Amino acid sequence: MRGFVVLPKRWIGERLFAHLMRTRRLARDYERRTTSAEAMIYWSMILLMTRRLARPHSGRG
């Protein structure tokens, strides 16, 4: 194949990393323990899900 080809399901991982990097603390490995890094990932995903739940749904129904 020539040129750009979208790999199946790869965009899901790329989008996840983009959401995690949006919370800038996760851009570098500042945490000493894995539990605190895990907590930051949960915090980032909670922010994402609350924003998605809070926005108005248009036309779904």
PDB file of N, CA and C in Angstrom:
ATOM      1  N   MET A   1       0.836  -1.183   0.000  1.00  0.00           N
ATOM      2  CA  MET A   1       0.000   0.000   0.000  1.00  0.00           C
ATOM      3  C   MET A   1       0.879   1.245   0.000  1.00  0.00           C
ATOM      4  N   ARG A   2       0.362   2.270  -0.605  1.00  0.00           N
ATOM      5  CA  ARG A   2       1.098   3.527  -0.656  1.00  0.00           C
ATOM      6  C   ARG A   2       0.324   4.589   0.089  1.00  0.00           C
ATOM      7  N   GLY A   3       1.059   5.506   0.721  1.00  0.00           N
ATOM      8  CA  GLY A   3       0.428   6.631   1.399  1.00  0.00           C
ATOM      9  C   GLY A   3      -0.044   6.302   2.801  1.00  0.00           C
ATOM     10  N   PHE A   4      -0.868   7.175   3.309  1.00  0.00           N
ATOM     11  CA  PHE A   4      -1.379   7.042   4.666  1.00  0.00           C
ATOM     12  C   PHE A   4      -2.518   6.038   4.722  1.00  0.00           C
ATOM     13  N   VAL A   5      -2.409   5.089   5.651  1.00  0.00           N
ATOM     14  CA  VAL A   5      -3.456   4.087   5.832  1.00  0.00           C
ATOM     15  C   VAL A   5      -3.823   4.067   7.308  1.00  0.00           C
ATOM     16  N   VAL A   6      -5.103   4.198   7.607  1.00  0.00           N
ATOM     17  CA  VAL A   6      -5.562   4.171   8.995  1.00  0.00           C
ATOM     18  C   VAL A   6      -5.582   2.728   9.471  1.00  0.00           C
ATOM     19  N   LEU A   7      -4.885   2.468  10.573  1.00  0.00           N
ATOM     20  CA  LEU A   7      -4.895   1.136  11.143  1.00  0.00           C
ATOM     21  C   LEU A   7      -6.151   0.964  11.992  1.00  0.00           C
ATOM     22  N   PRO A   8      -6.799  -0.183  11.921  1.00  0.00           N
ATOM     23  CA  PRO A   8      -8.025  -0.373  12.688  1.00  0.00           C
ATOM     24  C   PRO A   8      -7.752  -0.332  14.187  1.00  0.00           C
ATOM     25  N   LYS A   9      -8.583   0.370  14.900  1.00  0.00           N
ATOM     26  CA  LYS A   9      -8.570   0.489  16.360  1.00  0.00           C
ATOM     27  C   LYS A   9      -7.381   1.278  16.911  1.00  0.00           C
ATOM     28  N   ARG A  10      -6.445   1.676  16.104  1.00  0.00           N
ATOM     29  CA  ARG A  10      -5.305   2.431  16.614  1.00  0.00           C
ATOM     30  C   ARG A  10      -5.723   3.805  17.108  1.00  0.00           C
ATOM     31  N   TRP A  11      -6.704   4.412  16.455  1.00  0.00           N
ATOM     32  CA  TRP A  11      -7.141   5.755  16.820  1.00  0.00           C
ATOM     33  C   TRP A  11      -7.715   5.780  18.226  1.00  0.00           C
ATOM     34  N   ILE A  12      -8.217   4.650  18.724  1.00  0.00           N
ATOM     35  CA  ILE A  12      -8.747   4.601  20.089  1.00  0.00           C
ATOM     36  C   ILE A  12      -7.625   4.838  21.086  1.00  0.00           C
ATOM     37  N   GLY A  13      -6.512   4.159  20.890  1.00  0.00           N
ATOM     38  CA  GLY A  13      -5.359   4.362  21.766  1.00  0.00           C
ATOM     39  C   GLY A  13      -4.778   5.753  21.648  1.00  0.00           C
ATOM     40  N   GLU A  14      -4.709   6.263  20.425  1.00  0.00           N
ATOM     41  CA  GLU A  14      -4.180   7.606  20.216  1.00  0.00           C
ATOM     42  C   GLU A  14      -5.051   8.649  20.905  1.00  0.00           C
ATOM     43  N   ARG A  15      -6.362   8.475  20.824  1.00  0.00           N
ATOM     44  CA  ARG A  15      -7.278   9.412  21.463  1.00  0.00           C
ATOM     45  C   ARG A  15      -7.145   9.346  22.985  1.00  0.00           C
ATOM     46  N   LEU A  16      -6.972   8.139  23.541  1.00  0.00           N
ATOM     47  CA  LEU A  16      -6.783   7.984  24.983  1.00  0.00           C
ATOM     48  C   LEU A  16      -5.538   8.725  25.443  1.00  0.00           C
ATOM     49  N   PHE A  17      -4.433   8.556  24.721  1.00  0.00           N
ATOM     50  CA  PHE A  17      -3.199   9.247  25.100  1.00  0.00           C
ATOM     51  C   PHE A  17      -3.348  10.754  24.973  1.00  0.00           C
ATOM     52  N   ALA A  18      -4.109  11.222  24.001  1.00  0.00           N
ATOM     53  CA  ALA A  18      -4.338  12.665  23.859  1.00  0.00           C
ATOM     54  C   ALA A  18      -5.113  13.203  25.056  1.00  0.00           C
ATOM     55  N   HIS A  19      -6.112  12.461  25.516  1.00  0.00           N
ATOM     56  CA  HIS A  19      -6.866  12.895  26.693  1.00  0.00           C
ATOM     57  C   HIS A  19      -5.990  12.895  27.938  1.00  0.00           C
ATOM     58  N   LEU A  20      -5.135  11.899  28.062  1.00  0.00           N
ATOM     59  CA  LEU A  20      -4.249  11.841  29.229  1.00  0.00           C
ATOM     60  C   LEU A  20      -3.222  12.965  29.203  1.00  0.00           C
ATOM     61  N   MET A  21      -2.716  13.308  28.030  1.00  0.00           N
ATOM     62  CA  MET A  21      -1.720  14.365  27.934  1.00  0.00           C
ATOM     63  C   MET A  21      -2.340  15.746  28.125  1.00  0.00           C
ATOM     64  N   ARG A  22      -3.662  15.840  27.947  1.00  0.00           N
ATOM     65  CA  ARG A  22      -4.324  17.124  28.165  1.00  0.00           C
ATOM     66  C   ARG A  22      -4.199  17.551  29.630  1.00  0.00           C
ATOM     67  N   THR A  23      -4.218  16.593  30.538  1.00  0.00           N
ATOM     68  CA  THR A  23      -3.906  16.908  31.934  1.00  0.00           C
ATOM     69  C   THR A  23      -2.386  16.864  32.031  1.00  0.00           C
ATOM     70  N   ARG A  24      -1.768  18.003  32.061  1.00  0.00           N
ATOM     71  CA  ARG A  24      -0.334  18.149  31.796  1.00  0.00           C
ATOM     72  C   ARG A  24       0.566  17.390  32.758  1.00  0.00           C
ATOM     73  N   ARG A  25       0.067  17.070  33.918  1.00  0.00           N
ATOM     74  CA  ARG A  25       0.889  16.348  34.881  1.00  0.00           C
ATOM     75  C   ARG A  25       1.243  14.960  34.364  1.00  0.00           C
ATOM     76  N   LEU A  26       0.399  14.408  33.507  1.00  0.00           N
ATOM     77  CA  LEU A  26       0.654  13.073  32.985  1.00  0.00           C
ATOM     78  C   LEU A  26       1.607  13.087  31.793  1.00  0.00           C
ATOM     79  N   ALA A  27       2.038  14.263  31.374  1.00  0.00           N
ATOM     80  CA  ALA A  27       2.955  14.333  30.244  1.00  0.00           C
ATOM     81  C   ALA A  27       4.354  13.851  30.621  1.00  0.00           C
ATOM     82  N   ARG A  28       4.685  13.950  31.865  1.00  0.00           N
ATOM     83  CA  ARG A  28       5.981  13.469  32.360  1.00  0.00           C
ATOM     84  C   ARG A  28       5.737  12.502  33.500  1.00  0.00           C
ATOM     85  N   ASP A  29       6.716  11.704  33.783  1.00  0.00           N
ATOM     86  CA  ASP A  29       6.579  10.727  34.855  1.00  0.00           C
ATOM     87  C   ASP A  29       7.101  11.330  36.152  1.00  0.00           C
ATOM     88  N   TYR A  30       6.276  12.161  36.799  1.00  0.00           N
ATOM     89  CA  TYR A  30       6.669  12.820  38.030  1.00  0.00           C
ATOM     90  C   TYR A  30       6.394  11.974  39.265  1.00  0.00           C
ATOM     91  N   GLU A  31       5.547  10.991  39.147  1.00  0.00           N
ATOM     92  CA  GLU A  31       5.086  10.246  40.310  1.00  0.00           C
ATOM     93  C   GLU A  31       6.144   9.249  40.781  1.00  0.00           C
ATOM     94  N   ARG A  32       6.266   9.114  42.094  1.00  0.00           N
ATOM     95  CA  ARG A  32       7.203   8.144  42.652  1.00  0.00           C
ATOM     96  C   ARG A  32       6.584   6.760  42.743  1.00  0.00           C
ATOM     97  N   ARG A  33       5.290   6.720  42.983  1.00  0.00           N
ATOM     98  CA  ARG A  33       4.619   5.433  43.127  1.00  0.00           C
ATOM     99  C   ARG A  33       3.634   5.232  41.988  1.00  0.00           C
ATOM    100  N   THR A  34       3.423   3.986  41.655  1.00  0.00           N
ATOM    101  CA  THR A  34       2.477   3.701  40.586  1.00  0.00           C
ATOM    102  C   THR A  34       1.047   3.982  41.024  1.00  0.00           C
ATOM    103  N   THR A  35       0.773   3.913  42.326  1.00  0.00           N
ATOM    104  CA  THR A  35      -0.591   4.179  42.791  1.00  0.00           C
ATOM    105  C   THR A  35      -0.976   5.639  42.576  1.00  0.00           C
ATOM    106  N   SER A  36      -0.041   6.558  42.762  1.00  0.00           N
ATOM    107  CA  SER A  36      -0.365   7.965  42.535  1.00  0.00           C
ATOM    108  C   SER A  36      -0.516   8.250  41.041  1.00  0.00           C
ATOM    109  N   ALA A  37       0.283   7.593  40.195  1.00  0.00           N
ATOM    110  CA  ALA A  37       0.126   7.754  38.749  1.00  0.00           C
ATOM    111  C   ALA A  37      -1.218   7.183  38.300  1.00  0.00           C
ATOM    112  N   GLU A  38      -1.612   6.057  38.887  1.00  0.00           N
ATOM    113  CA  GLU A  38      -2.901   5.458  38.566  1.00  0.00           C
ATOM    114  C   GLU A  38      -4.049   6.375  38.989  1.00  0.00           C
ATOM    115  N   ALA A  39      -3.900   7.005  40.147  1.00  0.00           N
ATOM    116  CA  ALA A  39      -4.924   7.939  40.624  1.00  0.00           C
ATOM    117  C   ALA A  39      -5.059   9.129  39.680  1.00  0.00           C
ATOM    118  N   MET A  40      -3.946   9.611  39.135  1.00  0.00           N
ATOM    119  CA  MET A  40      -4.009  10.727  38.183  1.00  0.00           C
ATOM    120  C   MET A  40      -4.711  10.314  36.885  1.00  0.00           C
ATOM    121  N   ILE A  41      -4.524   9.081  36.463  1.00  0.00           N
ATOM    122  CA  ILE A  41      -5.213   8.590  35.268  1.00  0.00           C
ATOM    123  C   ILE A  41      -6.710   8.512  35.528  1.00  0.00           C
ATOM    124  N   TYR A  42      -7.093   8.000  36.701  1.00  0.00           N
ATOM    125  CA  TYR A  42      -8.514   7.962  37.059  1.00  0.00           C
ATOM    126  C   TYR A  42      -9.099   9.367  37.100  1.00  0.00           C
ATOM    127  N   TRP A  43      -8.356  10.298  37.671  1.00  0.00           N
ATOM    128  CA  TRP A  43      -8.814  11.688  37.770  1.00  0.00           C
ATOM    129  C   TRP A  43      -9.032  12.282  36.381  1.00  0.00           C
ATOM    130  N   SER A  44      -8.098  12.007  35.485  1.00  0.00           N
ATOM    131  CA  SER A  44      -8.209  12.521  34.126  1.00  0.00           C
ATOM    132  C   SER A  44      -9.432  11.941  33.414  1.00  0.00           C
ATOM    133  N   MET A  45      -9.670  10.651  33.573  1.00  0.00           N
ATOM    134  CA  MET A  45     -10.810  10.020  32.919  1.00  0.00           C
ATOM    135  C   MET A  45     -12.136  10.459  33.544  1.00  0.00           C
ATOM    136  N   ILE A  46     -12.147  10.724  34.847  1.00  0.00           N
ATOM    137  CA  ILE A  46     -13.352  11.244  35.500  1.00  0.00           C
ATOM    138  C   ILE A  46     -13.688  12.623  34.949  1.00  0.00           C
ATOM    139  N   LEU A  47     -12.681  13.470  34.760  1.00  0.00           N
ATOM    140  CA  LEU A  47     -12.919  14.783  34.157  1.00  0.00           C
ATOM    141  C   LEU A  47     -13.510  14.650  32.761  1.00  0.00           C
ATOM    142  N   LEU A  48     -12.963  13.746  31.978  1.00  0.00           N
ATOM    143  CA  LEU A  48     -13.446  13.541  30.621  1.00  0.00           C
ATOM    144  C   LEU A  48     -14.899  13.062  30.617  1.00  0.00           C
ATOM    145  N   MET A  49     -15.212  12.091  31.453  1.00  0.00           N
ATOM    146  CA  MET A  49     -16.565  11.538  31.462  1.00  0.00           C
ATOM    147  C   MET A  49     -17.586  12.530  32.005  1.00  0.00           C
ATOM    148  N   THR A  50     -17.223  13.325  33.007  1.00  0.00           N
ATOM    149  CA  THR A  50     -18.178  14.313  33.512  1.00  0.00           C
ATOM    150  C   THR A  50     -18.453  15.396  32.474  1.00  0.00           C
ATOM    151  N   ARG A  51     -17.458  15.762  31.690  1.00  0.00           N
ATOM    152  CA  ARG A  51     -17.692  16.726  30.609  1.00  0.00           C
ATOM    153  C   ARG A  51     -18.616  16.147  29.552  1.00  0.00           C
ATOM    154  N   ARG A  52     -18.419  14.873  29.235  1.00  0.00           N
ATOM    155  CA  ARG A  52     -19.279  14.243  28.236  1.00  0.00           C
ATOM    156  C   ARG A  52     -20.710  14.099  28.747  1.00  0.00           C
ATOM    157  N   LEU A  53     -20.885  13.784  30.011  1.00  0.00           N
ATOM    158  CA  LEU A  53     -22.219  13.628  30.561  1.00  0.00           C
ATOM    159  C   LEU A  53     -22.926  14.960  30.724  1.00  0.00           C
ATOM    160  N   ALA A  54     -22.180  16.030  30.958  1.00  0.00           N
ATOM    161  CA  ALA A  54     -22.775  17.330  31.218  1.00  0.00           C
ATOM    162  C   ALA A  54     -23.193  18.058  29.943  1.00  0.00           C
ATOM    163  N   ARG A  55     -22.605  17.725  28.806  1.00  0.00           N
ATOM    164  CA  ARG A  55     -22.949  18.467  27.596  1.00  0.00           C
ATOM    165  C   ARG A  55     -24.326  18.038  27.090  1.00  0.00           C
ATOM    166  N   PRO A  56     -25.019  18.957  26.479  1.00  0.00           N
ATOM    167  CA  PRO A  56     -26.383  18.645  26.002  1.00  0.00           C
ATOM    168  C   PRO A  56     -26.350  17.690  24.815  1.00  0.00           C
ATOM    169  N   HIS A  57     -27.291  16.792  24.801  1.00  0.00           N
ATOM    170  CA  HIS A  57     -27.408  15.826  23.691  1.00  0.00           C
ATOM    171  C   HIS A  57     -28.356  16.415  22.661  1.00  0.00           C
ATOM    172  N   SER A  58     -27.929  16.418  21.431  1.00  0.00           N
ATOM    173  CA  SER A  58     -28.762  17.004  20.381  1.00  0.00           C
ATOM    174  C   SER A  58     -29.255  15.902  19.439  1.00  0.00           C
ATOM    175  N   GLY A  59     -30.566  15.722  19.419  1.00  0.00           N
ATOM    176  CA  GLY A  59     -31.161  14.828  18.445  1.00  0.00           C
ATOM    177  C   GLY A  59     -31.066  13.346  18.731  1.00  0.00           C
ATOM    178  N   ARG A  60     -30.525  12.951  19.842  1.00  0.00           N
ATOM    179  CA  ARG A  60     -30.461  11.526  20.155  1.00  0.00           C
ATOM    180  C   ARG A  60     -31.713  11.150  20.940  1.00  0.00           C
ATOM    181  N   GLY A  61     -32.195   9.980  20.653  1.00  0.00           N
ATOM    182  CA  GLY A  61     -33.294   9.759  21.429  1.00  0.00           C
ATOM    183  C   GLY A  61     -34.121   8.657  21.531  1.00  0.00           C
TER     184      GLY A  61
END
